[in-house]
All heavy atoms as atom14 arrays in JSON, in Angstrom:
{
  "sequence": "RLSCVASGNIFSINAMGWYRQAPGRERDLVAVITPSGMINYVD",
  "atom14_mask": [
    [1, 1, 1, 1, 1, 1, 1, 1, 1, 1, 1, 0, 0, 0],
    [1, 1, 1, 1, 1, 1, 1, 1, 0, 0, 0, 0, 0, 0],
    [1, 1, 1, 1, 1, 1, 0, 0, 0, 0, 0, 0, 0, 0],
    [1, 1, 1, 1, 1, 1, 0, 0, 0, 0, 0, 0, 0, 0],
    [1, 1, 1, 1, 1, 1, 1, 0, 0, 0, 0, 0, 0, 0],
    [1, 1, 1, 1, 1, 0, 0, 0, 0, 0, 0, 0, 0, 0],
    [1, 1, 1, 1, 1, 1, 0, 0, 0, 0, 0, 0, 0, 0],
    [1, 1, 1, 1, 0, 0, 0, 0, 0, 0, 0, 0, 0, 0],
    [1, 1, 1, 1, 1, 1, 1, 1, 0, 0, 0, 0, 0, 0],
    [1, 1, 1, 1, 1, 1, 1, 1, 0, 0, 0, 0, 0, 0],
    [1, 1, 1, 1, 1, 1, 1, 1, 1, 1, 1, 0, 0, 0],
    [1, 1, 1, 1, 1, 1, 0, 0, 0, 0, 0, 0, 0, 0],
    [1, 1, 1, 1, 1, 1, 1, 1, 0, 0, 0, 0, 0, 0],
    [1, 1, 1, 1, 1, 1, 1, 1, 0, 0, 0, 0, 0, 0],
    [1, 1, 1, 1, 1, 0, 0, 0, 0, 0, 0, 0, 0, 0],
    [1, 1, 1, 1, 1, 1, 1, 1, 0, 0, 0, 0, 0, 0],
    [1, 1, 1, 1, 0, 0, 0, 0, 0, 0, 0, 0, 0, 0],
    [1, 1, 1, 1, 1, 1, 1, 1, 1, 1, 1, 1, 1, 1],
    [1, 1, 1, 1, 1, 1, 1, 1, 1, 1, 1, 1, 0, 0],
    [1, 1, 1, 1, 1, 1, 1, 1, 1, 1, 1, 0, 0, 0],
    [1, 1, 1, 1, 1, 1, 1, 1, 1, 0, 0, 0, 0, 0],
    [1, 1, 1, 1, 1, 0, 0, 0, 0, 0, 0, 0, 0, 0],
    [1, 1, 1, 1, 1, 1, 1, 0, 0, 0, 0, 0, 0, 0],
    [1, 1, 1, 1, 0, 0, 0, 0, 0, 0, 0, 0, 0, 0],
    [1, 1, 1, 1, 1, 1, 1, 1, 1, 1, 1, 0, 0, 0],
    [1, 1, 1, 1, 1, 1, 1, 1, 1, 0, 0, 0, 0, 0],
    [1, 1, 1, 1, 1, 1, 1, 1, 1, 1, 1, 0, 0, 0],
    [1, 1, 1, 1, 1, 1, 1, 1, 0, 0, 0, 0, 0, 0],
    [1, 1, 1, 1, 1, 1, 1, 1, 0, 0, 0, 0, 0, 0],
    [1, 1, 1, 1, 1, 1, 1, 0, 0, 0, 0, 0, 0, 0],
    [1, 1, 1, 1, 1, 0, 0, 0, 0, 0, 0, 0, 0, 0],
    [1, 1, 1, 1, 1, 1, 1, 0, 0, 0, 0, 0, 0, 0],
    [1, 1, 1, 1, 1, 1, 1, 1, 0, 0, 0, 0, 0, 0],
    [1, 1, 1, 1, 1, 1, 1, 0, 0, 0, 0, 0, 0, 0],
    [1, 1, 1, 1, 1, 1, 1, 0, 0, 0, 0, 0, 0, 0],
    [1, 1, 1, 1, 1, 1, 0, 0, 0, 0, 0, 0, 0, 0],
    [1, 1, 1, 1, 0, 0, 0, 0, 0, 0, 0, 0, 0, 0],
    [1, 1, 1, 1, 1, 1, 1, 1, 0, 0, 0, 0, 0, 0],
    [1, 1, 1, 1, 1, 1, 1, 1, 0, 0, 0, 0, 0, 0],
    [1, 1, 1, 1, 1, 1, 1, 1, 0, 0, 0, 0, 0, 0],
    [1, 1, 1, 1, 1, 1, 1, 1, 1, 1, 1, 1, 0, 0],
    [1, 1, 1, 1, 1, 1, 1, 0, 0, 0, 0, 0, 0, 0],
    [1, 1, 1, 1, 1, 1, 1, 1, 0, 0, 0, 0, 0, 0]
  ],
  "atom14_positions": [
    [[0.84, -1.18, 0.0], [0.0, 0.0, 0.0], [0.88, 1.24, 0.0], [1.69, 1.43, 0.91], [-0.94, 0.05, 1.2], [-1.99, 1.16, 1.06], [-3.04, 1.12, 2.14], [-2.63, 1.87, 3.32], [-3.42, 2.7, 3.99], [-4.67, 2.89, 3.59], [-2.97, 3.31, 5.06], [0.0, 0.0, 0.0], [0.0, 0.0, 0.0], [0.0, 0.0, 0.0]],
    [[0.71, 2.06, -1.01], [1.43, 3.31, -1.12], [0.58, 4.44, -0.56], [-0.64, 4.46, -0.71], [1.77, 3.63, -2.58], [2.53, 2.55, -3.36], [2.85, 3.07, -4.77], [3.79, 2.13, -2.64], [0.0, 0.0, 0.0], [0.0, 0.0, 0.0], [0.0, 0.0, 0.0], [0.0, 0.0, 0.0], [0.0, 0.0, 0.0], [0.0, 0.0, 0.0]],
    [[1.25, 5.39, 0.07], [0.59, 6.57, 0.59], [1.32, 7.8, 0.1], [2.54, 7.78, -0.1], [0.57, 6.58, 2.12], [-0.12, 5.48, 2.64], [0.0, 0.0, 0.0], [0.0, 0.0, 0.0], [0.0, 0.0, 0.0], [0.0, 0.0, 0.0], [0.0, 0.0, 0.0], [0.0, 0.0, 0.0], [0.0, 0.0, 0.0], [0.0, 0.0, 0.0]],
    [[0.6, 8.88, -0.08], [1.19, 10.14, -0.5], [0.46, 11.27, 0.19], [-0.77, 11.37, 0.09], [1.1, 10.29, -2.01], [1.65, 11.9, -2.64], [0.0, 0.0, 0.0], [0.0, 0.0, 0.0], [0.0, 0.0, 0.0], [0.0, 0.0, 0.0], [0.0, 0.0, 0.0], [0.0, 0.0, 0.0], [0.0, 0.0, 0.0], [0.0, 0.0, 0.0]],
    [[1.2, 12.12, 0.86], [0.65, 13.26, 1.58], [1.13, 14.54, 0.92], [2.34, 14.73, 0.74], [1.05, 13.24, 3.06], [0.45, 14.44, 3.77], [0.62, 11.95, 3.72], [0.0, 0.0, 0.0], [0.0, 0.0, 0.0], [0.0, 0.0, 0.0], [0.0, 0.0, 0.0], [0.0, 0.0, 0.0], [0.0, 0.0, 0.0], [0.0, 0.0, 0.0]],
    [[0.21, 15.4, 0.57], [0.53, 16.69, 0.0], [0.5, 17.76, 1.08], [-0.39, 17.78, 1.93], [-0.46, 17.05, -1.11], [0.0, 0.0, 0.0], [0.0, 0.0, 0.0], [0.0, 0.0, 0.0], [0.0, 0.0, 0.0], [0.0, 0.0, 0.0], [0.0, 0.0, 0.0], [0.0, 0.0, 0.0], [0.0, 0.0, 0.0], [0.0, 0.0, 0.0]],
    [[1.47, 18.66, 1.01], [1.51, 19.75, 1.98], [2.07, 20.98, 1.3], [2.7, 20.9, 0.25], [2.36, 19.38, 3.2], [3.7, 19.11, 2.83], [0.0, 0.0, 0.0], [0.0, 0.0, 0.0], [0.0, 0.0, 0.0], [0.0, 0.0, 0.0], [0.0, 0.0, 0.0], [0.0, 0.0, 0.0], [0.0, 0.0, 0.0], [0.0, 0.0, 0.0]],
    [[1.85, 22.13, 1.91], [2.35, 23.37, 1.38], [1.23, 24.33, 1.05], [0.22, 24.39, 1.74], [0.0, 0.0, 0.0], [0.0, 0.0, 0.0], [0.0, 0.0, 0.0], [0.0, 0.0, 0.0], [0.0, 0.0, 0.0], [0.0, 0.0, 0.0], [0.0, 0.0, 0.0], [0.0, 0.0, 0.0], [0.0, 0.0, 0.0], [0.0, 0.0, 0.0]],
    [[1.43, 25.09, -0.02], [0.47, 26.11, -0.44], [-0.67, 25.44, -1.2], [-0.68, 25.4, -2.43], [1.15, 27.17, -1.29], [0.2, 28.26, -1.73], [-0.81, 28.51, -1.08], [0.53, 28.9, -2.85], [0.0, 0.0, 0.0], [0.0, 0.0, 0.0], [0.0, 0.0, 0.0], [0.0, 0.0, 0.0], [0.0, 0.0, 0.0], [0.0, 0.0, 0.0]],
    [[-1.64, 24.95, -0.46], [-2.75, 24.2, -1.03], [-4.07, 24.84, -0.62], [-4.39, 24.9, 0.56], [-2.73, 22.73, -0.58], [-1.45, 22.04, -1.03], [-3.96, 22.0, -1.14], [-1.27, 20.66, -0.44], [0.0, 0.0, 0.0], [0.0, 0.0, 0.0], [0.0, 0.0, 0.0], [0.0, 0.0, 0.0], [0.0, 0.0, 0.0], [0.0, 0.0, 0.0]],
    [[-4.8, 25.31, -1.62], [-6.17, 25.71, -1.39], [-7.1, 24.51, -1.56], [-7.99, 24.27, -0.74], [-6.57, 26.84, -2.32], [-7.98, 27.32, -2.12], [-8.3, 28.18, -1.09], [-9.0, 26.89, -2.96], [-9.59, 28.62, -0.89], [-10.3, 27.32, -2.77], [-10.6, 28.19, -1.73], [0.0, 0.0, 0.0], [0.0, 0.0, 0.0], [0.0, 0.0, 0.0]],
    [[-6.87, 23.77, -2.62], [-7.61, 22.54, -2.85], [-6.81, 21.68, -3.81], [-5.9, 22.16, -4.49], [-9.01, 22.8, -3.4], [-8.94, 23.42, -4.67], [0.0, 0.0, 0.0], [0.0, 0.0, 0.0], [0.0, 0.0, 0.0], [0.0, 0.0, 0.0], [0.0, 0.0, 0.0], [0.0, 0.0, 0.0], [0.0, 0.0, 0.0], [0.0, 0.0, 0.0]],
    [[-7.14, 20.41, -3.87], [-6.52, 19.48, -4.79], [-7.59, 18.91, -5.7], [-8.6, 18.38, -5.22], [-5.79, 18.34, -4.06], [-4.73, 18.91, -3.11], [-5.16, 17.39, -5.07], [-4.0, 17.85, -2.3], [0.0, 0.0, 0.0], [0.0, 0.0, 0.0], [0.0, 0.0, 0.0], [0.0, 0.0, 0.0], [0.0, 0.0, 0.0], [0.0, 0.0, 0.0]],
    [[-7.36, 19.02, -6.99], [-8.28, 18.44, -7.95], [-7.93, 16.96, -8.13], [-8.06, 16.18, -7.18], [-8.24, 19.22, -9.26], [-9.34, 18.81, -10.21], [-10.37, 18.29, -9.8], [-9.13, 19.04, -11.5], [0.0, 0.0, 0.0], [0.0, 0.0, 0.0], [0.0, 0.0, 0.0], [0.0, 0.0, 0.0], [0.0, 0.0, 0.0], [0.0, 0.0, 0.0]],
    [[-7.46, 16.59, -9.28], [-7.08, 15.2, -9.49], [-5.85, 14.85, -8.65], [-4.97, 15.68, -8.43], [-6.8, 14.94, -10.96], [0.0, 0.0, 0.0], [0.0, 0.0, 0.0], [0.0, 0.0, 0.0], [0.0, 0.0, 0.0], [0.0, 0.0, 0.0], [0.0, 0.0, 0.0], [0.0, 0.0, 0.0], [0.0, 0.0, 0.0], [0.0, 0.0, 0.0]],
    [[-5.8, 13.62, -8.22], [-4.69, 13.11, -7.44], [-4.53, 11.64, -7.77], [-5.53, 10.96, -8.02], [-4.96, 13.31, -5.95], [-3.76, 13.25, -5.05], [-4.19, 13.74, -3.35], [-2.56, 13.9, -2.64], [0.0, 0.0, 0.0], [0.0, 0.0, 0.0], [0.0, 0.0, 0.0], [0.0, 0.0, 0.0], [0.0, 0.0, 0.0], [0.0, 0.0, 0.0]],
    [[-3.31, 11.17, -7.79], [-3.16, 9.76, -8.1], [-1.73, 9.32, -8.25], [-0.82, 9.89, -7.61], [0.0, 0.0, 0.0], [0.0, 0.0, 0.0], [0.0, 0.0, 0.0], [0.0, 0.0, 0.0], [0.0, 0.0, 0.0], [0.0, 0.0, 0.0], [0.0, 0.0, 0.0], [0.0, 0.0, 0.0], [0.0, 0.0, 0.0], [0.0, 0.0, 0.0]],
    [[-1.55, 8.3, -9.08], [-0.27, 7.63, -9.19], [0.1, 7.35, -10.63], [-0.75, 6.96, -11.44], [-0.3, 6.29, -8.43], [-0.56, 6.46, -6.97], [-1.76, 6.48, -6.34], [0.43, 6.65, -5.96], [-1.59, 6.68, -4.99], [-0.25, 6.78, -4.73], [1.83, 6.73, -5.97], [0.41, 6.98, -3.52], [2.49, 6.93, -4.77], [1.79, 7.05, -3.56]],
    [[1.36, 7.56, -10.93], [1.97, 7.16, -12.18], [3.14, 6.24, -11.86], [3.59, 6.17, -10.72], [2.47, 8.38, -12.96], [1.37, 9.23, -13.58], [0.48, 9.93, -12.78], [1.24, 9.33, -14.96], [-0.52, 10.71, -13.33], [0.25, 10.11, -15.52], [-0.62, 10.8, -14.71], [-1.61, 11.58, -15.27], [0.0, 0.0, 0.0], [0.0, 0.0, 0.0]],
    [[3.61, 5.54, -12.88], [4.77, 4.69, -12.67], [5.66, 4.7, -13.9], [5.2, 4.92, -15.01], [4.36, 3.26, -12.31], [3.66, 2.49, -13.41], [3.16, 1.15, -12.9], [2.49, 0.38, -13.93], [1.85, -0.77, -13.71], [1.81, -1.29, -12.49], [1.27, -1.41, -14.72], [0.0, 0.0, 0.0], [0.0, 0.0, 0.0], [0.0, 0.0, 0.0]],
    [[6.92, 4.44, -13.65], [7.9, 4.4, -14.72], [8.77, 3.16, -14.53], [9.52, 3.07, -13.55], [8.76, 5.66, -14.74], [9.68, 5.75, -15.94], [10.28, 7.13, -16.1], [10.28, 7.93, -15.16], [10.78, 7.43, -17.28], [0.0, 0.0, 0.0], [0.0, 0.0, 0.0], [0.0, 0.0, 0.0], [0.0, 0.0, 0.0], [0.0, 0.0, 0.0]],
    [[8.64, 2.23, -15.45], [9.44, 1.02, -15.43], [10.75, 1.26, -16.18], [10.85, 2.19, -16.99], [8.67, -0.13, -16.06], [0.0, 0.0, 0.0], [0.0, 0.0, 0.0], [0.0, 0.0, 0.0], [0.0, 0.0, 0.0], [0.0, 0.0, 0.0], [0.0, 0.0, 0.0], [0.0, 0.0, 0.0], [0.0, 0.0, 0.0], [0.0, 0.0, 0.0]],
    [[11.75, 0.43, -15.94], [13.03, 0.61, -16.63], [12.85, 0.63, -18.14], [12.21, -0.25, -18.72], [13.84, -0.59, -16.18], [13.27, -0.96, -14.85], [11.8, -0.67, -14.97], [0.0, 0.0, 0.0], [0.0, 0.0, 0.0], [0.0, 0.0, 0.0], [0.0, 0.0, 0.0], [0.0, 0.0, 0.0], [0.0, 0.0, 0.0], [0.0, 0.0, 0.0]],
    [[13.42, 1.64, -18.78], [13.37, 1.75, -20.22], [12.04, 2.18, -20.79], [11.86, 2.15, -22.01], [0.0, 0.0, 0.0], [0.0, 0.0, 0.0], [0.0, 0.0, 0.0], [0.0, 0.0, 0.0], [0.0, 0.0, 0.0], [0.0, 0.0, 0.0], [0.0, 0.0, 0.0], [0.0, 0.0, 0.0], [0.0, 0.0, 0.0], [0.0, 0.0, 0.0]],
    [[11.11, 2.6, -19.94], [9.79, 2.98, -20.41], [9.44, 4.4, -19.98], [10.09, 4.98, -19.11], [8.73, 2.01, -19.88], [8.93, 0.57, -20.33], [7.81, -0.31, -19.85], [7.99, -1.7, -20.25], [7.14, -2.68, -19.98], [6.04, -2.43, -19.29], [7.41, -3.91, -20.39], [0.0, 0.0, 0.0], [0.0, 0.0, 0.0], [0.0, 0.0, 0.0]],
    [[8.4, 4.92, -20.59], [7.91, 6.24, -20.23], [7.08, 6.16, -18.96], [6.61, 5.09, -18.55], [7.07, 6.82, -21.36], [7.83, 7.04, -22.66], [8.88, 8.1, -22.52], [8.61, 9.12, -21.84], [9.97, 7.93, -23.07], [0.0, 0.0, 0.0], [0.0, 0.0, 0.0], [0.0, 0.0, 0.0], [0.0, 0.0, 0.0], [0.0, 0.0, 0.0]],
    [[6.9, 7.31, -18.34], [6.04, 7.38, -17.16], [4.58, 7.3, -17.6], [4.12, 8.09, -18.42], [6.3, 8.68, -16.4], [5.57, 8.78, -15.07], [5.89, 10.06, -14.33], [7.31, 10.15, -14.0], [7.85, 11.12, -13.27], [7.08, 12.09, -12.78], [9.14, 11.12, -13.03], [0.0, 0.0, 0.0], [0.0, 0.0, 0.0], [0.0, 0.0, 0.0]],
    [[3.85, 6.36, -17.03], [2.48, 6.09, -17.44], [1.53, 6.22, -16.25], [1.89, 5.94, -15.11], [2.34, 4.68, -18.02], [3.09, 4.51, -19.32], [3.14, 5.46, -20.12], [3.62, 3.4, -19.56], [0.0, 0.0, 0.0], [0.0, 0.0, 0.0], [0.0, 0.0, 0.0], [0.0, 0.0, 0.0], [0.0, 0.0, 0.0], [0.0, 0.0, 0.0]],
    [[0.32, 6.61, -16.56], [-0.73, 6.69, -15.54], [-1.06, 5.31, -15.0], [-1.19, 4.35, -15.75], [-1.98, 7.34, -16.13], [-3.17, 7.55, -15.19], [-3.92, 8.81, -15.58], [-4.12, 6.35, -15.24], [0.0, 0.0, 0.0], [0.0, 0.0, 0.0], [0.0, 0.0, 0.0], [0.0, 0.0, 0.0], [0.0, 0.0, 0.0], [0.0, 0.0, 0.0]],
    [[-1.2, 5.22, -13.69], [-1.69, 4.02, -13.04], [-3.14, 4.22, -12.6], [-4.02, 3.43, -12.95], [-0.83, 3.63, -11.82], [-1.4, 2.4, -11.13], [0.61, 3.4, -12.24], [0.0, 0.0, 0.0], [0.0, 0.0, 0.0], [0.0, 0.0, 0.0], [0.0, 0.0, 0.0], [0.0, 0.0, 0.0], [0.0, 0.0, 0.0], [0.0, 0.0, 0.0]],
    [[-3.38, 5.26, -11.83], [-4.72, 5.54, -11.34], [-4.8, 6.98, -10.92], [-3.86, 7.52, -10.34], [-5.08, 4.63, -10.15], [0.0, 0.0, 0.0], [0.0, 0.0, 0.0], [0.0, 0.0, 0.0], [0.0, 0.0, 0.0], [0.0, 0.0, 0.0], [0.0, 0.0, 0.0], [0.0, 0.0, 0.0], [0.0, 0.0, 0.0], [0.0, 0.0, 0.0]],
    [[-5.93, 7.62, -11.21], [-6.2, 8.96, -10.74], [-7.59, 9.0, -10.16], [-8.47, 8.24, -10.57], [-6.05, 10.04, -11.84], [-4.6, 10.17, -12.28], [-6.94, 9.71, -13.03], [0.0, 0.0, 0.0], [0.0, 0.0, 0.0], [0.0, 0.0, 0.0], [0.0, 0.0, 0.0], [0.0, 0.0, 0.0], [0.0, 0.0, 0.0], [0.0, 0.0, 0.0]],
    [[-7.79, 9.91, -9.22], [-9.07, 10.03, -8.54], [-9.36, 11.5, -8.3], [-8.49, 12.28, -7.94], [-9.06, 9.22, -7.22], [-10.41, 9.29, -6.52], [-7.93, 9.66, -6.31], [-10.53, 8.31, -5.35], [0.0, 0.0, 0.0], [0.0, 0.0, 0.0], [0.0, 0.0, 0.0], [0.0, 0.0, 0.0], [0.0, 0.0, 0.0], [0.0, 0.0, 0.0]],
    [[-10.61, 11.87, -8.52], [-11.05, 13.24, -8.3], [-11.55, 13.39, -6.87], [-11.77, 12.41, -6.15], [-12.16, 13.62, -9.27], [-13.36, 12.93, -8.92], [-11.78, 13.3, -10.71], [0.0, 0.0, 0.0], [0.0, 0.0, 0.0], [0.0, 0.0, 0.0], [0.0, 0.0, 0.0], [0.0, 0.0, 0.0], [0.0, 0.0, 0.0], [0.0, 0.0, 0.0]],
    [[-11.77, 14.63, -6.43], [-12.31, 14.82, -5.07], [-13.65, 14.13, -4.85], [-13.95, 13.74, -3.72], [-12.44, 16.34, -4.96], [-11.41, 16.87, -5.89], [-11.41, 15.92, -7.05], [0.0, 0.0, 0.0], [0.0, 0.0, 0.0], [0.0, 0.0, 0.0], [0.0, 0.0, 0.0], [0.0, 0.0, 0.0], [0.0, 0.0, 0.0], [0.0, 0.0, 0.0]],
    [[-14.45, 13.99, -5.9], [-15.75, 13.36, -5.77], [-15.71, 11.85, -5.9], [-16.74, 11.19, -5.77], [-16.72, 13.93, -6.8], [-16.28, 13.67, -8.11], [0.0, 0.0, 0.0], [0.0, 0.0, 0.0], [0.0, 0.0, 0.0], [0.0, 0.0, 0.0], [0.0, 0.0, 0.0], [0.0, 0.0, 0.0], [0.0, 0.0, 0.0], [0.0, 0.0, 0.0]],
    [[-14.54, 11.3, -6.19], [-14.4, 9.86, -6.25], [-14.42, 9.23, -7.62], [-14.45, 8.0, -7.72], [0.0, 0.0, 0.0], [0.0, 0.0, 0.0], [0.0, 0.0, 0.0], [0.0, 0.0, 0.0], [0.0, 0.0, 0.0], [0.0, 0.0, 0.0], [0.0, 0.0, 0.0], [0.0, 0.0, 0.0], [0.0, 0.0, 0.0], [0.0, 0.0, 0.0]],
    [[-14.4, 10.02, -8.68], [-14.3, 9.46, -10.02], [-12.88, 8.97, -10.23], [-11.92, 9.66, -9.91], [-14.66, 10.5, -11.07], [-16.11, 10.96, -10.99], [-16.5, 12.22, -12.22], [-16.17, 11.34, -13.74], [0.0, 0.0, 0.0], [0.0, 0.0, 0.0], [0.0, 0.0, 0.0], [0.0, 0.0, 0.0], [0.0, 0.0, 0.0], [0.0, 0.0, 0.0]],
    [[-12.74, 7.79, -10.81], [-11.46, 7.1, -10.89], [-11.2, 6.61, -12.31], [-12.11, 6.12, -12.99], [-11.43, 5.9, -9.92], [-11.53, 6.37, -8.47], [-10.16, 5.08, -10.13], [-11.74, 5.25, -7.48], [0.0, 0.0, 0.0], [0.0, 0.0, 0.0], [0.0, 0.0, 0.0], [0.0, 0.0, 0.0], [0.0, 0.0, 0.0], [0.0, 0.0, 0.0]],
    [[-9.96, 6.74, -12.73], [-9.47, 6.1, -13.93], [-8.29, 5.21, -13.57], [-7.38, 5.64, -12.86], [-9.02, 7.12, -14.97], [-10.17, 7.81, -15.66], [-11.25, 7.25, -15.8], [-9.94, 9.04, -16.11], [0.0, 0.0, 0.0], [0.0, 0.0, 0.0], [0.0, 0.0, 0.0], [0.0, 0.0, 0.0], [0.0, 0.0, 0.0], [0.0, 0.0, 0.0]],
    [[-8.31, 3.98, -14.07], [-7.2, 3.05, -13.92], [-6.66, 2.66, -15.29], [-7.42, 2.56, -16.26], [-7.63, 1.75, -13.25], [-8.07, 1.82, -11.82], [-9.41, 1.74, -11.47], [-7.13, 1.93, -10.79], [-9.81, 1.78, -10.16], [-7.53, 1.96, -9.47], [-8.87, 1.89, -9.15], [-9.27, 1.92, -7.84], [0.0, 0.0, 0.0], [0.0, 0.0, 0.0]],
    [[-5.38, 2.4, -15.34], [-4.86, 1.74, -16.51], [-5.4, 0.3, -16.53], [-5.59, -0.31, -15.47], [-3.32, 1.76, -16.53], [-2.73, 0.97, -15.38], [-2.78, 1.3, -17.86], [0.0, 0.0, 0.0], [0.0, 0.0, 0.0], [0.0, 0.0, 0.0], [0.0, 0.0, 0.0], [0.0, 0.0, 0.0], [0.0, 0.0, 0.0], [0.0, 0.0, 0.0]],
    [[-5.68, -0.21, -17.72], [-6.34, -1.51, -17.81], [-5.58, -2.61, -17.09], [-6.19, -3.52, -16.5], [-6.54, -1.89, -19.27], [-7.65, -1.12, -19.94], [-8.45, -0.49, -19.25], [-7.71, -1.16, -21.19], [0.0, 0.0, 0.0], [0.0, 0.0, 0.0], [0.0, 0.0, 0.0], [0.0, 0.0, 0.0], [0.0, 0.0, 0.0], [0.0, 0.0, 0.0]]
  ]
}
């Protein structure tokens, strides 16, 4: 389980999520989630 905490000059956060970069590959979306709970996952 990965966790990520945002801090600093934050009024609000829109989309939030995770990307990953494997050796020799580009950084790709893993999952994103909106404040209301809408989610996109890589297949």
